[in-house]
PDB file of N, CA and C in Angstrom:
ATOM      1  N   MET A   1       8.537  22.893  15.523  1.00  0.00           N
ATOM      2  CA  MET A   1       8.468  21.727  15.656  1.00  0.00           C
ATOM      3  C   MET A   1       7.131  21.055  15.102  1.00  0.00           C
ATOM      4  N   ALA A   2       6.210  21.101  15.854  1.00  0.00           N
ATOM      5  CA  ALA A   2       4.994  20.403  15.794  1.00  0.00           C
ATOM      6  C   ALA A   2       4.460  19.935  14.584  1.00  0.00           C
ATOM      7  N   GLY A   3       5.005  20.631  13.393  1.00  0.00           N
ATOM      8  CA  GLY A   3       4.771  20.442  12.036  1.00  0.00           C
ATOM      9  C   GLY A   3       5.206  19.095  11.736  1.00  0.00           C
ATOM     10  N   ASN A   4       6.395  18.856  12.181  1.00  0.00           N
ATOM     11  CA  ASN A   4       6.975  17.412  11.852  1.00  0.00           C
ATOM     12  C   ASN A   4       5.891  16.290  12.315  1.00  0.00           C
ATOM     13  N   ASP A   5       5.228  16.150  13.098  1.00  0.00           N
ATOM     14  CA  ASP A   5       4.559  15.191  14.016  1.00  0.00           C
ATOM     15  C   ASP A   5       3.078  15.034  13.117  1.00  0.00           C
ATOM     16  N   VAL A   6       3.047  15.801  11.953  1.00  0.00           N
ATOM     17  CA  VAL A   6       1.626  15.577  11.066  1.00  0.00           C
ATOM     18  C   VAL A   6       2.214  14.279  10.041  1.00  0.00           C
ATOM     19  N   ALA A   7       1.335  13.525  10.603  1.00  0.00           N
ATOM     20  CA  ALA A   7       1.225  11.958   9.109  1.00  0.00           C
ATOM     21  C   ALA A   7       0.610  13.143   7.986  1.00  0.00           C
ATOM     22  N   ILE A   8       1.993  12.360   6.806  1.00  0.00           N
ATOM     23  CA  ILE A   8       1.622  13.002   5.390  1.00  0.00           C
ATOM     24  C   ILE A   8       1.503  11.825   4.743  1.00  0.00           C
ATOM     25  N   LEU A   9       0.668  11.477   3.908  1.00  0.00           N
ATOM     26  CA  LEU A   9       1.001  10.277   2.819  1.00  0.00           C
ATOM     27  C   LEU A   9       0.581  10.917   1.555  1.00  0.00           C
ATOM     28  N   LYS A  10       1.971  10.586   0.576  1.00  0.00           N
ATOM     29  CA  LYS A  10       1.658  11.100  -0.768  1.00  0.00           C
ATOM     30  C   LYS A  10       1.091  10.054  -1.718  1.00  0.00           C
ATOM     31  N   ILE A  11      -0.147  10.017  -2.397  1.00  0.00           N
ATOM     32  CA  ILE A  11      -0.429   8.760  -3.270  1.00  0.00           C
ATOM     33  C   ILE A  11      -0.190   9.249  -4.586  1.00  0.00           C
ATOM     34  N   ASN A  12       0.759   8.495  -5.783  1.00  0.00           N
ATOM     35  CA  ASN A  12       0.480   8.510  -6.926  1.00  0.00           C
ATOM     36  C   ASN A  12      -0.155   7.389  -7.427  1.00  0.00           C
ATOM     37  N   LYS A  13      -0.823   7.385  -8.898  1.00  0.00           N
ATOM     38  CA  LYS A  13      -1.234   6.483  -9.371  1.00  0.00           C
ATOM     39  C   LYS A  13      -0.796   6.573 -10.951  1.00  0.00           C
ATOM     40  N   ALA A  14      -0.577   5.256 -11.326  1.00  0.00           N
ATOM     41  CA  ALA A  14       0.022   5.567 -12.565  1.00  0.00           C
ATOM     42  C   ALA A  14      -0.509   4.203 -12.956  1.00  0.00           C
ATOM     43  N   SER A  15      -1.512   4.076 -14.344  1.00  0.00           N
ATOM     44  CA  SER A  15      -2.055   2.795 -15.020  1.00  0.00           C
ATOM     45  C   SER A  15      -1.282   2.734 -16.799  1.00  0.00           C
ATOM     46  N   SER A  16      -1.399   1.876 -16.933  1.00  0.00           N
ATOM     47  CA  SER A  16      -1.156   0.878 -18.296  1.00  0.00           C
ATOM     48  C   SER A  16      -1.935  -0.014 -18.299  1.00  0.00           C
ATOM     49  N   GLY A  17      -2.957   0.020 -19.090  1.00  0.00           N
ATOM     50  CA  GLY A  17      -3.897  -0.879 -19.912  1.00  0.00           C
ATOM     51  C   GLY A  17      -4.506  -1.660 -18.593  1.00  0.00           C
ATOM     52  N   THR A  18      -4.260  -2.739 -18.112  1.00  0.00           N
ATOM     53  CA  THR A  18      -5.087  -3.071 -16.945  1.00  0.00           C
ATOM     54  C   THR A  18      -3.999  -3.187 -15.659  1.00  0.00           C
ATOM     55  N   SER A  19      -2.736  -2.693 -15.785  1.00  0.00           N
ATOM     56  CA  SER A  19      -1.920  -2.504 -14.644  1.00  0.00           C
ATOM     57  C   SER A  19      -2.262  -1.146 -13.761  1.00  0.00           C
ATOM     58  N   LEU A  20      -2.184  -1.357 -12.409  1.00  0.00           N
ATOM     59  CA  LEU A  20      -2.237  -0.328 -11.917  1.00  0.00           C
ATOM     60  C   LEU A  20      -1.320   0.057 -10.419  1.00  0.00           C
ATOM     61  N   THR A  21      -0.344   0.854 -11.028  1.00  0.00           N
ATOM     62  CA  THR A  21       0.739   1.323  -9.655  1.00  0.00           C
ATOM     63  C   THR A  21       0.482   2.443  -8.903  1.00  0.00           C
ATOM     64  N   ILE A  22       0.189   1.892  -7.596  1.00  0.00           N
ATOM     65  CA  ILE A  22      -0.097   2.861  -6.543  1.00  0.00           C
ATOM     66  C   ILE A  22       1.680   3.004  -5.713  1.00  0.00           C
ATOM     67  N   SER A  23       2.371   4.310  -5.980  1.00  0.00           N
ATOM     68  CA  SER A  23       3.236   4.537  -5.198  1.00  0.00           C
ATOM     69  C   SER A  23       3.141   5.285  -3.994  1.00  0.00           C
ATOM     70  N   LEU A  24       3.659   5.128  -2.829  1.00  0.00           N
ATOM     71  CA  LEU A  24       3.164   5.585  -1.451  1.00  0.00           C
ATOM     72  C   LEU A  24       4.205   6.649  -1.147  1.00  0.00           C
ATOM     73  N   GLU A  25       4.372   7.636  -0.255  1.00  0.00           N
ATOM     74  CA  GLU A  25       5.075   8.416   0.151  1.00  0.00           C
ATOM     75  C   GLU A  25       4.784   9.043   1.460  1.00  0.00           C
ATOM     76  N   GLY A  26       5.967   8.583   2.102  1.00  0.00           N
ATOM     77  CA  GLY A  26       5.612   9.240   3.570  1.00  0.00           C
ATOM     78  C   GLY A  26       5.321   8.251   4.815  1.00  0.00           C
ATOM     79  N   ARG A  27       3.913   8.507   5.168  1.00  0.00           N
ATOM     80  CA  ARG A  27       3.523   7.100   6.698  1.00  0.00           C
ATOM     81  C   ARG A  27       2.332   6.956   6.428  1.00  0.00           C
ATOM     82  N   LEU A  28       1.927   5.749   6.119  1.00  0.00           N
ATOM     83  CA  LEU A  28       0.641   5.264   6.128  1.00  0.00           C
ATOM     84  C   LEU A  28       0.105   4.562   7.530  1.00  0.00           C
ATOM     85  N   ASP A  29      -0.453   5.232   8.156  1.00  0.00           N
ATOM     86  CA  ASP A  29      -0.918   5.172   9.877  1.00  0.00           C
ATOM     87  C   ASP A  29      -2.529   5.377  10.013  1.00  0.00           C
ATOM     88  N   THR A  30      -2.774   5.237  11.047  1.00  0.00           N
ATOM     89  CA  THR A  30      -4.517   5.400  11.286  1.00  0.00           C
ATOM     90  C   THR A  30      -4.709   6.600  10.614  1.00  0.00           C
ATOM     91  N   THR A  31      -4.135   7.948  10.607  1.00  0.00           N
ATOM     92  CA  THR A  31      -4.433   9.011  10.092  1.00  0.00           C
ATOM     93  C   THR A  31      -4.555   9.261   8.362  1.00  0.00           C
ATOM     94  N   THR A  32      -3.769   8.216   7.981  1.00  0.00           N
ATOM     95  CA  THR A  32      -3.630   8.205   6.491  1.00  0.00           C
ATOM     96  C   THR A  32      -4.420   7.128   5.547  1.00  0.00           C
ATOM     97  N   ALA A  33      -4.557   6.289   6.374  1.00  0.00           N
ATOM     98  CA  ALA A  33      -4.846   4.999   6.281  1.00  0.00           C
ATOM     99  C   ALA A  33      -6.462   5.178   5.533  1.00  0.00           C
ATOM    100  N   PRO A  34      -7.280   6.028   5.643  1.00  0.00           N
ATOM    101  CA  PRO A  34      -8.422   6.013   5.285  1.00  0.00           C
ATOM    102  C   PRO A  34      -8.229   6.712   3.577  1.00  0.00           C
ATOM    103  N   GLN A  35      -7.603   7.593   3.842  1.00  0.00           N
ATOM    104  CA  GLN A  35      -7.218   8.084   2.239  1.00  0.00           C
ATOM    105  C   GLN A  35      -6.664   7.190   1.364  1.00  0.00           C
ATOM    106  N   LEU A  36      -6.063   6.337   1.446  1.00  0.00           N
ATOM    107  CA  LEU A  36      -5.712   5.023   0.547  1.00  0.00           C
ATOM    108  C   LEU A  36      -6.652   4.017   0.412  1.00  0.00           C
ATOM    109  N   GLU A  37      -7.351   4.221   1.634  1.00  0.00           N
ATOM    110  CA  GLU A  37      -8.738   3.057   1.227  1.00  0.00           C
ATOM    111  C   GLU A  37      -9.361   3.570   0.402  1.00  0.00           C
ATOM    112  N   ALA A  38     -10.152   5.007   0.739  1.00  0.00           N
ATOM    113  CA  ALA A  38     -10.474   5.337  -0.617  1.00  0.00           C
ATOM    114  C   ALA A  38     -10.540   5.811  -1.857  1.00  0.00           C
ATOM    115  N   GLU A  39      -9.062   5.470  -2.180  1.00  0.00           N
ATOM    116  CA  GLU A  39      -8.344   5.523  -3.394  1.00  0.00           C
ATOM    117  C   GLU A  39      -8.476   4.021  -3.721  1.00  0.00           C
ATOM    118  N   VAL A  40      -8.212   3.067  -2.990  1.00  0.00           N
ATOM    119  CA  VAL A  40      -8.340   1.555  -3.376  1.00  0.00           C
ATOM    120  C   VAL A  40      -9.925   1.215  -3.742  1.00  0.00           C
ATOM    121  N   LYS A  41     -10.819   1.686  -2.914  1.00  0.00           N
ATOM    122  CA  LYS A  41     -12.165   1.103  -3.473  1.00  0.00           C
ATOM    123  C   LYS A  41     -12.620   1.757  -4.403  1.00  0.00           C
ATOM    124  N   GLY A  42     -12.365   3.312  -4.734  1.00  0.00           N
ATOM    125  CA  GLY A  42     -12.627   3.494  -6.059  1.00  0.00           C
ATOM    126  C   GLY A  42     -11.827   3.460  -7.502  1.00  0.00           C
ATOM    127  N   GLY A  43     -10.846   2.856  -7.420  1.00  0.00           N
ATOM    128  CA  GLY A  43      -9.627   2.721  -8.516  1.00  0.00           C
ATOM    129  C   GLY A  43      -9.713   1.620  -8.685  1.00  0.00           C
ATOM    130  N   LEU A  44     -10.345   0.338  -8.721  1.00  0.00           N
ATOM    131  CA  LEU A  44     -10.086  -0.901  -9.238  1.00  0.00           C
ATOM    132  C   LEU A  44     -10.716  -1.382 -10.412  1.00  0.00           C
ATOM    133  N   SER A  45     -11.760  -0.812 -10.660  1.00  0.00           N
ATOM    134  CA  SER A  45     -12.046  -1.259 -11.723  1.00  0.00           C
ATOM    135  C   SER A  45     -11.560  -1.625 -13.055  1.00  0.00           C
ATOM    136  N   GLY A  46     -11.500  -2.861 -13.765  1.00  0.00           N
ATOM    137  CA  GLY A  46     -11.216  -2.994 -14.841  1.00  0.00           C
ATOM    138  C   GLY A  46      -9.171  -3.231 -14.482  1.00  0.00           C
ATOM    139  N   VAL A  47      -9.037  -3.260 -13.351  1.00  0.00           N
ATOM    140  CA  VAL A  47      -7.580  -3.556 -13.242  1.00  0.00           C
ATOM    141  C   VAL A  47      -7.220  -5.018 -12.518  1.00  0.00           C
ATOM    142  N   THR A  48      -6.551  -5.553 -13.482  1.00  0.00           N
ATOM    143  CA  THR A  48      -5.921  -6.968 -13.281  1.00  0.00           C
ATOM    144  C   THR A  48      -4.683  -7.326 -12.316  1.00  0.00           C
ATOM    145  N   GLU A  49      -3.846  -6.313 -12.444  1.00  0.00           N
ATOM    146  CA  GLU A  49      -2.974  -6.240 -11.949  1.00  0.00           C
ATOM    147  C   GLU A  49      -2.534  -4.922 -11.046  1.00  0.00           C
ATOM    148  N   LEU A  50      -2.441  -5.090  -9.636  1.00  0.00           N
ATOM    149  CA  LEU A  50      -2.185  -3.683  -8.928  1.00  0.00           C
ATOM    150  C   LEU A  50      -0.786  -3.863  -8.112  1.00  0.00           C
ATOM    151  N   VAL A  51       0.276  -2.892  -8.324  1.00  0.00           N
ATOM    152  CA  VAL A  51       1.369  -2.401  -7.376  1.00  0.00           C
ATOM    153  C   VAL A  51       1.322  -1.567  -6.410  1.00  0.00           C
ATOM    154  N   PHE A  52       1.841  -1.846  -5.832  1.00  0.00           N
ATOM    155  CA  PHE A  52       2.301  -0.687  -4.561  1.00  0.00           C
ATOM    156  C   PHE A  52       3.615  -0.448  -4.450  1.00  0.00           C
ATOM    157  N   ASP A  53       4.176   0.466  -5.028  1.00  0.00           N
ATOM    158  CA  ASP A  53       5.842   0.658  -5.150  1.00  0.00           C
ATOM    159  C   ASP A  53       5.681   1.763  -3.643  1.00  0.00           C
ATOM    160  N   MET A  54       6.600   1.173  -2.519  1.00  0.00           N
ATOM    161  CA  MET A  54       6.877   1.672  -1.529  1.00  0.00           C
ATOM    162  C   MET A  54       8.337   1.972  -0.966  1.00  0.00           C
ATOM    163  N   ALA A  55       8.896   2.528  -2.119  1.00  0.00           N
ATOM    164  CA  ALA A  55      10.110   2.842  -2.018  1.00  0.00           C
ATOM    165  C   ALA A  55      10.482   4.152  -1.123  1.00  0.00           C
ATOM    166  N   ALA A  56       9.127   5.009  -1.170  1.00  0.00           N
ATOM    167  CA  ALA A  56       9.249   6.399  -0.348  1.00  0.00           C
ATOM    168  C   ALA A  56       8.349   6.381   0.694  1.00  0.00           C
ATOM    169  N   LEU A  57       7.893   5.138   1.219  1.00  0.00           N
ATOM    170  CA  LEU A  57       7.234   4.690   2.454  1.00  0.00           C
ATOM    171  C   LEU A  57       8.149   4.495   3.736  1.00  0.00           C
ATOM    172  N   GLU A  58       7.908   5.521   4.565  1.00  0.00           N
ATOM    173  CA  GLU A  58       8.821   5.633   5.457  1.00  0.00           C
ATOM    174  C   GLU A  58       8.136   4.622   6.798  1.00  0.00           C
ATOM    175  N   PHE A  59       7.035   4.766   6.835  1.00  0.00           N
ATOM    176  CA  PHE A  59       6.350   3.639   8.150  1.00  0.00           C
ATOM    177  C   PHE A  59       4.784   3.540   7.890  1.00  0.00           C
ATOM    178  N   ILE A  60       4.762   2.199   8.180  1.00  0.00           N
ATOM    179  CA  ILE A  60       3.250   1.847   8.373  1.00  0.00           C
ATOM    180  C   ILE A  60       2.877   1.205   9.888  1.00  0.00           C
ATOM    181  N   SER A  61       1.661   1.469   9.680  1.00  0.00           N
ATOM    182  CA  SER A  61       1.172   0.927  10.948  1.00  0.00           C
ATOM    183  C   SER A  61       0.218  -0.229  10.726  1.00  0.00           C
ATOM    184  N   SER A  62      -0.527  -0.936  11.882  1.00  0.00           N
ATOM    185  CA  SER A  62      -1.633  -1.835  11.536  1.00  0.00           C
ATOM    186  C   SER A  62      -2.813  -1.375  10.968  1.00  0.00           C
ATOM    187  N   ALA A  63      -3.026  -0.505  10.604  1.00  0.00           N
ATOM    188  CA  ALA A  63      -3.863   0.552   9.973  1.00  0.00           C
ATOM    189  C   ALA A  63      -3.693   0.308   8.875  1.00  0.00           C
ATOM    190  N   GLY A  64      -2.643   0.635   8.302  1.00  0.00           N
ATOM    191  CA  GLY A  64      -2.186   0.668   6.710  1.00  0.00           C
ATOM    192  C   GLY A  64      -2.350  -0.948   6.449  1.00  0.00           C
ATOM    193  N   LEU A  65      -1.499  -1.640   7.297  1.00  0.00           N
ATOM    194  CA  LEU A  65      -1.744  -3.157   7.093  1.00  0.00           C
ATOM    195  C   LEU A  65      -2.981  -3.713   6.559  1.00  0.00           C
ATOM    196  N   ARG A  66      -3.920  -3.414   7.292  1.00  0.00           N
ATOM    197  CA  ARG A  66      -5.462  -3.488   6.930  1.00  0.00           C
ATOM    198  C   ARG A  66      -5.462  -3.492   5.761  1.00  0.00           C
ATOM    199  N   VAL A  67      -5.393  -2.024   5.662  1.00  0.00           N
ATOM    200  CA  VAL A  67      -6.168  -1.455   4.176  1.00  0.00           C
ATOM    201  C   VAL A  67      -5.003  -2.128   2.991  1.00  0.00           C
ATOM    202  N   LEU A  68      -4.078  -2.628   2.976  1.00  0.00           N
ATOM    203  CA  LEU A  68      -3.315  -3.517   2.195  1.00  0.00           C
ATOM    204  C   LEU A  68      -4.158  -4.626   2.254  1.00  0.00           C
ATOM    205  N   LEU A  69      -4.600  -5.405   3.148  1.00  0.00           N
ATOM    206  CA  LEU A  69      -5.873  -6.294   3.146  1.00  0.00           C
ATOM    207  C   LEU A  69      -6.694  -6.515   2.316  1.00  0.00           C
ATOM    208  N   LEU A  70      -7.285  -5.372   2.678  1.00  0.00           N
ATOM    209  CA  LEU A  70      -8.185  -4.961   2.070  1.00  0.00           C
ATOM    210  C   LEU A  70      -8.400  -4.941   0.316  1.00  0.00           C
ATOM    211  N   ALA A  71      -7.237  -4.597   0.075  1.00  0.00           N
ATOM    212  CA  ALA A  71      -7.173  -4.308  -1.718  1.00  0.00           C
ATOM    213  C   ALA A  71      -6.716  -5.669  -2.128  1.00  0.00           C
ATOM    214  N   GLN A  72      -6.231  -6.602  -1.358  1.00  0.00           N
ATOM    215  CA  GLN A  72      -5.603  -7.809  -1.897  1.00  0.00           C
ATOM    216  C   GLN A  72      -6.428  -8.667  -1.623  1.00  0.00           C
ATOM    217  N   LYS A  73      -8.080  -8.268  -1.204  1.00  0.00           N
ATOM    218  CA  LYS A  73      -9.531  -8.925  -0.871  1.00  0.00           C
ATOM    219  C   LYS A  73      -9.916  -8.622  -2.389  1.00  0.00           C
ATOM    220  N   ALA A  74     -10.057  -7.415  -2.411  1.00  0.00           N
ATOM    221  CA  ALA A  74     -10.551  -6.654  -3.816  1.00  0.00           C
ATOM    222  C   ALA A  74     -10.250  -7.325  -4.900  1.00  0.00           C
ATOM    223  N   ILE A  75      -8.769  -7.029  -5.334  1.00  0.00           N
ATOM    224  CA  ILE A  75      -7.932  -7.456  -6.441  1.00  0.00           C
ATOM    225  C   ILE A  75      -8.112  -9.269  -6.980  1.00  0.00           C
ATOM    226  N   GLY A  76      -8.186  -9.739  -5.437  1.00  0.00           N
ATOM    227  CA  GLY A  76      -8.333 -11.246  -5.495  1.00  0.00           C
ATOM    228  C   GLY A  76      -9.230 -11.689  -6.497  1.00  0.00           C
ATOM    229  N   LYS A  77     -10.348 -11.174  -6.720  1.00  0.00           N
ATOM    230  CA  LYS A  77     -11.339 -11.393  -7.316  1.00  0.00           C
ATOM    231  C   LYS A  77     -11.207 -11.185  -8.941  1.00  0.00           C
ATOM    232  N   GLN A  78     -10.560 -10.834  -9.395  1.00  0.00           N
ATOM    233  CA  GLN A  78     -10.317 -10.005 -10.878  1.00  0.00           C
ATOM    234  C   GLN A  78      -8.951 -10.279 -11.127  1.00  0.00           C
ATOM    235  N   GLY A  79      -7.737 -10.003 -10.303  1.00  0.00           N
ATOM    236  CA  GLY A  79      -6.378 -10.311 -10.629  1.00  0.00           C
ATOM    237  C   GLY A  79      -5.062 -10.493  -9.390  1.00  0.00           C
ATOM    238  N   THR A  80      -3.797  -9.708  -9.840  1.00  0.00           N
ATOM    239  CA  THR A  80      -3.106 -10.103  -8.617  1.00  0.00           C
ATOM    240  C   THR A  80      -2.619  -8.798  -8.116  1.00  0.00           C
ATOM    241  N   MET A  81      -2.093  -8.973  -6.868  1.00  0.00           N
ATOM    242  CA  MET A  81      -1.065  -7.382  -6.253  1.00  0.00           C
ATOM    243  C   MET A  81       0.112  -8.096  -5.701  1.00  0.00           C
ATOM    244  N   VAL A  82       1.052  -7.154  -5.974  1.00  0.00           N
ATOM    245  CA  VAL A  82       2.257  -7.109  -5.760  1.00  0.00           C
ATOM    246  C   VAL A  82       2.942  -5.798  -4.786  1.00  0.00           C
ATOM    247  N   ILE A  83       3.734  -5.847  -3.855  1.00  0.00           N
ATOM    248  CA  ILE A  83       4.077  -4.742  -3.121  1.00  0.00           C
ATOM    249  C   ILE A  83       6.001  -4.695  -3.248  1.00  0.00           C
ATOM    250  N   ARG A  84       6.040  -3.640  -3.815  1.00  0.00           N
ATOM    251  CA  ARG A  84       7.648  -3.627  -4.242  1.00  0.00           C
ATOM    252  C   ARG A  84       8.431  -2.563  -3.537  1.00  0.00           C
ATOM    253  N   ASN A  85       9.660  -2.676  -3.367  1.00  0.00           N
ATOM    254  CA  ASN A  85      10.590  -1.656  -2.995  1.00  0.00           C
ATOM    255  C   ASN A  85      10.324  -1.376  -1.359  1.00  0.00           C
ATOM    256  N   LEU A  86       9.963  -2.048  -0.670  1.00  0.00           N
ATOM    257  CA  LEU A  86      10.117  -2.056   0.976  1.00  0.00           C
ATOM    258  C   LEU A  86      11.214  -1.529   1.406  1.00  0.00           C
ATOM    259  N   ILE A  87      11.333  -0.362   2.095  1.00  0.00           N
ATOM    260  CA  ILE A  87      12.524  -0.062   2.795  1.00  0.00           C
ATOM    261  C   ILE A  87      12.606  -1.391   3.734  1.00  0.00           C
ATOM    262  N   PRO A  88      13.921  -1.512   4.909  1.00  0.00           N
ATOM    263  CA  PRO A  88      14.231  -2.526   5.688  1.00  0.00           C
ATOM    264  C   PRO A  88      13.225  -2.034   7.162  1.00  0.00           C
ATOM    265  N   SER A  89      13.068  -0.906   7.556  1.00  0.00           N
ATOM    266  CA  SER A  89      11.977  -1.116   8.626  1.00  0.00           C
ATOM    267  C   SER A  89      10.841  -1.204   8.390  1.00  0.00           C
ATOM    268  N   VAL A  90      10.271  -0.614   7.215  1.00  0.00           N
ATOM    269  CA  VAL A  90       8.819  -1.057   6.672  1.00  0.00           C
ATOM    270  C   VAL A  90       8.857  -2.917   6.579  1.00  0.00           C
ATOM    271  N   LEU A  91       9.905  -2.923   5.624  1.00  0.00           N
ATOM    272  CA  LEU A  91       9.731  -4.913   5.645  1.00  0.00           C
ATOM    273  C   LEU A  91       9.628  -5.556   7.039  1.00  0.00           C
ATOM    274  N   LYS A  92      10.449  -4.972   7.645  1.00  0.00           N
ATOM    275  CA  LYS A  92      10.367  -5.778   9.327  1.00  0.00           C
ATOM    276  C   LYS A  92       9.057  -5.702   9.847  1.00  0.00           C
ATOM    277  N   VAL A  93       8.070  -4.542   9.657  1.00  0.00           N
ATOM    278  CA  VAL A  93       6.806  -4.350   9.938  1.00  0.00           C
ATOM    279  C   VAL A  93       5.780  -6.002   9.248  1.00  0.00           C
ATOM    280  N   PHE A  94       6.068  -5.808   8.014  1.00  0.00           N
ATOM    281  CA  PHE A  94       5.737  -7.158   7.434  1.00  0.00           C
ATOM    282  C   PHE A  94       6.121  -8.558   7.709  1.00  0.00           C
ATOM    283  N   ASP A  95       7.312  -8.694   8.155  1.00  0.00           N
ATOM    284  CA  ASP A  95       7.780  -9.759   8.574  1.00  0.00           C
ATOM    285  C   ASP A  95       7.710 -10.272   9.797  1.00  0.00           C
ATOM    286  N   VAL A  96       7.387  -8.767  10.935  1.00  0.00           N
ATOM    287  CA  VAL A  96       6.772  -9.498  12.127  1.00  0.00           C
ATOM    288  C   VAL A  96       5.354  -9.990  12.214  1.00  0.00           C
ATOM    289  N   THR A  97       4.541  -9.237  11.549  1.00  0.00           N
ATOM    290  CA  THR A  97       3.172  -9.555  11.658  1.00  0.00           C
ATOM    291  C   THR A  97       2.806 -10.567  10.802  1.00  0.00           C
ATOM    292  N   GLY A  98       3.787 -10.992  10.304  1.00  0.00           N
ATOM    293  CA  GLY A  98       3.270 -12.439   9.329  1.00  0.00           C
ATOM    294  C   GLY A  98       2.500 -11.840   7.804  1.00  0.00           C
ATOM    295  N   PHE A  99       2.632 -10.472   7.870  1.00  0.00           N
ATOM    296  CA  PHE A  99       1.825  -9.901   6.183  1.00  0.00           C
ATOM    297  C   PHE A  99       2.486 -10.316   5.145  1.00  0.00           C
ATOM    298  N   SER A 100       3.629 -10.820   5.122  1.00  0.00           N
ATOM    299  CA  SER A 100       5.162 -10.891   4.186  1.00  0.00           C
ATOM    300  C   SER A 100       4.876 -12.427   3.924  1.00  0.00           C
ATOM    301  N   ARG A 101       3.821 -13.280   4.757  1.00  0.00           N
ATOM    302  CA  ARG A 101       3.433 -14.751   4.177  1.00  0.00           C
ATOM    303  C   ARG A 101       2.302 -14.774   3.081  1.00  0.00           C
ATOM    304  N   ILE A 102       1.243 -13.852   3.700  1.00  0.00           N
ATOM    305  CA  ILE A 102      -0.041 -12.744   3.448  1.00  0.00           C
ATOM    306  C   ILE A 102       0.179 -12.640   1.845  1.00  0.00           C
ATOM    307  N   LEU A 103       0.801 -11.788   1.836  1.00  0.00           N
ATOM    308  CA  LEU A 103       1.033 -10.937   0.417  1.00  0.00           C
ATOM    309  C   LEU A 103       1.979 -11.172   0.013  1.00  0.00           C
ATOM    310  N   THR A 104       1.929 -10.581  -1.605  1.00  0.00           N
ATOM    311  CA  THR A 104       3.144 -11.074  -2.589  1.00  0.00           C
ATOM    312  C   THR A 104       4.633  -9.702  -2.665  1.00  0.00           C
ATOM    313  N   ILE A 105       5.373 -10.040  -1.644  1.00  0.00           N
ATOM    314  CA  ILE A 105       6.465  -9.438  -2.096  1.00  0.00           C
ATOM    315  C   ILE A 105       7.229  -8.951  -2.570  1.00  0.00           C
ATOM    316  N   GLU A 106       7.531  -8.023  -3.543  1.00  0.00           N
ATOM    317  CA  GLU A 106       8.838  -8.305  -4.345  1.00  0.00           C
ATOM    318  C   GLU A 106       9.957  -7.360  -3.846  1.00  0.00           C
ATOM    319  N   LYS A 107      11.094  -8.526  -3.700  1.00  0.00           N
ATOM    320  CA  LYS A 107      12.197  -7.421  -2.844  1.00  0.00           C
ATOM    321  C   LYS A 107      13.124  -6.871  -3.539  1.00  0.00           C
TER     322      LYS A 107
END
């Protein structure tokens, strides 16, 4: 049973020209946020369109939101960022925290 409590985040990256799509699967929380932050910090060179596909993201915490804000700040100097395919419970976190007004979310 204890194995179910382990936070797991799978990150898949696909690039096409200057566009980078990062698909997230699992939980983006205090435990897994540093993993995504490292991917974002090291992978935006030459990227003008950053897309986060969150169709398989089950949960996001404030630590996860912070990483998305950092990504927005980083890409804002060179391009755009879009968040897509949020499930209702994750979208609610964006709405309640006001992040849906700060970040570009495609429903």
